[in-house]
């Protein structure tokens, strides 16, 4: 390994493994999947087969810039995770703690307007139409006895 190799790289407030290739290392950031990782590497003009620990400071800044505003670098809006935001009406891509905070806000909003999904969230039940007759049970096991010997 060369002298400038970094074992841990900090991007978007997340520690990333320097041994992984760029698109795969980016998937450790909350809100970035493998397809978006490849798109970010290409938009930043970085070889996707290069290891993250071998990148220069300038290349890392370009990746950070693409992560912050992907639309400016030619990433299509269908790859973003928050299209037509309720508050602003813009296409956004949230990562890290911003994404976690916005998801919690959305759940609280659903609870406040008493939508079906809001009710299910507040009751701690399955939200997306899954069956609940036999799965998703929590609490103590009832009706099962051990055989005495």
Protein backbone atom coordinates (compact mmCIF):
# COMPACT_ATOMS: atom_id res chain seq x y z
CA UNK A 1 0.00 0.00 0.00
CA UNK A 2 1.28 3.49 -0.79
CA UNK A 3 2.04 6.05 1.92
CA UNK A 4 -1.11 8.11 1.29
CA UNK A 5 -3.49 5.17 1.73
CA UNK A 6 -6.22 5.85 4.32
CA UNK A 7 -7.80 2.94 6.13
CA UNK A 8 -10.77 5.01 7.30
CA UNK A 9 -12.23 7.81 5.18
CA UNK A 10 -14.74 10.29 6.58
CA UNK A 11 -17.46 11.33 4.13
CA UNK A 12 -20.88 12.81 4.92
CA UNK A 13 -20.34 12.40 8.69
CA UNK A 14 -19.77 8.66 8.23
CA UNK A 15 -16.59 6.60 8.61
CA UNK A 16 -16.05 4.48 5.50
CA UNK A 17 -13.74 1.52 4.88
CA UNK A 18 -10.76 2.56 2.73
CA UNK A 19 -10.21 -0.97 1.39
CA UNK A 20 -13.56 -1.09 -0.44
CA UNK A 21 -14.07 0.11 -3.99
CA UNK A 22 -15.68 3.55 -4.24
CA UNK A 23 -19.33 2.62 -5.08
CA UNK A 24 -19.43 -0.15 -2.48
CA UNK A 25 -17.85 2.01 0.21
CA UNK A 26 -20.44 4.74 -0.43
CA UNK A 27 -23.28 2.31 0.35
CA UNK A 28 -22.32 2.52 4.04
CA UNK A 29 -23.78 6.04 4.05
CA UNK A 30 -27.44 5.96 5.03
CA UNK A 31 -29.48 6.94 1.96
CA UNK A 32 -26.95 5.75 -0.65
CA UNK A 33 -27.50 2.42 -2.39
CA UNK A 34 -25.31 0.56 -4.85
CA UNK A 35 -26.83 2.12 -7.98
CA UNK A 36 -26.50 5.62 -6.58
CA UNK A 37 -22.95 4.80 -5.47
CA UNK A 38 -22.02 3.94 -9.06
CA UNK A 39 -23.75 7.07 -10.36
CA UNK A 40 -21.92 9.27 -7.83
CA UNK A 41 -18.54 7.79 -8.77
CA UNK A 42 -19.18 8.42 -12.48
CA UNK A 43 -20.58 11.93 -11.91
CA UNK A 44 -17.52 12.85 -9.84
CA UNK A 45 -15.22 11.57 -12.60
CA UNK A 46 -13.62 8.88 -10.44
CA UNK A 47 -12.72 5.36 -11.54
CA UNK A 48 -15.26 3.06 -9.81
CA UNK A 49 -12.65 0.27 -9.54
CA UNK A 50 -10.35 2.45 -7.43
CA UNK A 51 -10.18 1.85 -3.66
CA UNK A 52 -11.64 4.62 -1.49
CA UNK A 53 -8.45 4.86 0.61
CA UNK A 54 -6.39 5.74 -2.48
CA UNK A 55 -8.41 8.83 -3.42
CA UNK A 56 -6.91 12.28 -3.09
CA UNK A 57 -8.44 15.05 -1.00
CA UNK A 58 -9.69 16.76 -4.17
CA UNK A 59 -11.49 13.60 -5.33
CA UNK A 60 -13.11 13.18 -1.91
CA UNK A 61 -14.36 16.78 -2.05
CA UNK A 62 -15.90 16.09 -5.48
CA UNK A 63 -17.70 13.02 -4.10
CA UNK A 64 -18.94 15.09 -1.15
CA UNK A 65 -20.24 17.77 -3.53
CA UNK A 66 -22.12 15.18 -5.62
CA UNK A 67 -23.58 13.67 -2.44
CA UNK A 68 -24.86 17.06 -1.28
CA UNK A 69 -26.44 18.13 -4.60
CA UNK A 70 -26.76 15.21 -7.05
CA UNK A 71 -29.06 17.00 -9.52
CA UNK A 72 -26.38 19.57 -10.37
CA UNK A 73 -24.03 16.79 -11.49
CA UNK A 74 -26.44 15.10 -13.90
CA UNK A 75 -27.86 12.37 -11.66
CA UNK A 76 -31.49 11.84 -12.74
CA UNK A 77 -34.24 12.79 -10.31
CA UNK A 78 -35.69 9.26 -10.29
CA UNK A 79 -32.61 8.13 -8.34
CA UNK A 80 -33.34 10.54 -5.48
CA UNK A 81 -34.97 9.33 -2.29
CA UNK A 82 -37.31 12.28 -1.65
CA UNK A 83 -39.04 13.50 -4.78
CA UNK A 84 -41.63 16.28 -4.63
CA UNK A 85 -41.08 17.04 -0.95
CA UNK A 86 -44.32 17.95 0.85
CA UNK A 87 -42.94 21.16 2.35
CA UNK A 88 -40.87 22.56 -0.52
CA UNK A 89 -42.16 20.70 -3.57
CA UNK A 90 -38.57 20.13 -4.74
CA UNK A 91 -36.71 16.94 -5.53
CA UNK A 92 -34.29 16.23 -2.68
CA UNK A 93 -31.84 13.53 -1.75
CA UNK A 94 -31.32 13.15 1.99
CA UNK A 95 -28.46 11.24 3.59
CA UNK A 96 -27.41 10.33 7.11
CA UNK A 97 -29.09 11.92 10.09
CA UNK A 98 -31.16 14.25 7.85
CA UNK A 99 -32.86 11.19 6.36
CA UNK A 100 -33.54 9.61 9.75
CA UNK A 101 -34.98 12.87 11.10
CA UNK A 102 -37.25 13.38 8.07
CA UNK A 103 -38.59 9.81 8.27
CA UNK A 104 -39.47 10.34 11.94
CA UNK A 105 -41.16 13.62 11.01
CA UNK A 106 -43.19 11.87 8.30
CA UNK A 107 -44.38 9.21 10.75
CA UNK A 108 -45.40 11.87 13.27
CA UNK A 109 -47.25 13.72 10.50
CA UNK A 110 -49.16 10.55 9.56
CA UNK A 111 -50.09 10.06 13.22
CA UNK A 112 -51.27 13.66 13.57
CA UNK A 113 -53.59 13.50 10.55
CA UNK A 114 -54.77 10.09 11.76
CA UNK A 115 -54.19 8.33 8.46
CA UNK A 116 -54.36 4.54 8.27
CA UNK A 117 -50.56 4.24 8.24
CA UNK A 118 -50.40 6.65 11.18
CA UNK A 119 -52.80 4.49 13.20
CA UNK A 120 -50.78 1.36 12.42
CA UNK A 121 -47.53 3.09 13.43
CA UNK A 122 -49.03 4.32 16.69
CA UNK A 123 -50.34 0.85 17.56
CA UNK A 124 -47.02 -0.81 16.69
CA UNK A 125 -48.61 -3.01 14.02
CA UNK A 126 -47.50 -3.84 10.48
CA UNK A 127 -48.01 -0.86 8.19
CA UNK A 128 -47.65 -2.13 4.64
CA UNK A 129 -50.44 -4.68 4.36
CA UNK A 130 -48.62 -7.73 5.66
CA UNK A 131 -50.51 -10.50 7.39
CA UNK A 132 -50.65 -10.29 11.17
CA UNK A 133 -52.50 -13.46 12.10
CA UNK A 134 -49.39 -15.51 12.73
CA UNK A 135 -46.41 -13.17 12.29
CA UNK A 136 -45.25 -10.02 14.01
CA UNK A 137 -46.21 -11.20 17.45
CA UNK A 138 -44.49 -9.62 20.41
CA UNK A 139 -44.62 -10.28 24.13
CA UNK A 140 -44.75 -13.50 26.09
CA UNK A 141 -45.53 -16.82 24.51
CA UNK A 142 -49.05 -17.92 25.42
CA UNK A 143 -50.53 -21.41 25.16
CA UNK A 144 -47.32 -23.41 25.02
CA UNK A 145 -46.64 -25.78 27.93
CA UNK A 146 -43.55 -27.85 28.56
CA UNK A 147 -44.07 -31.53 29.02
CA UNK A 148 -43.29 -32.75 32.52
CA UNK A 149 -40.81 -35.56 32.85
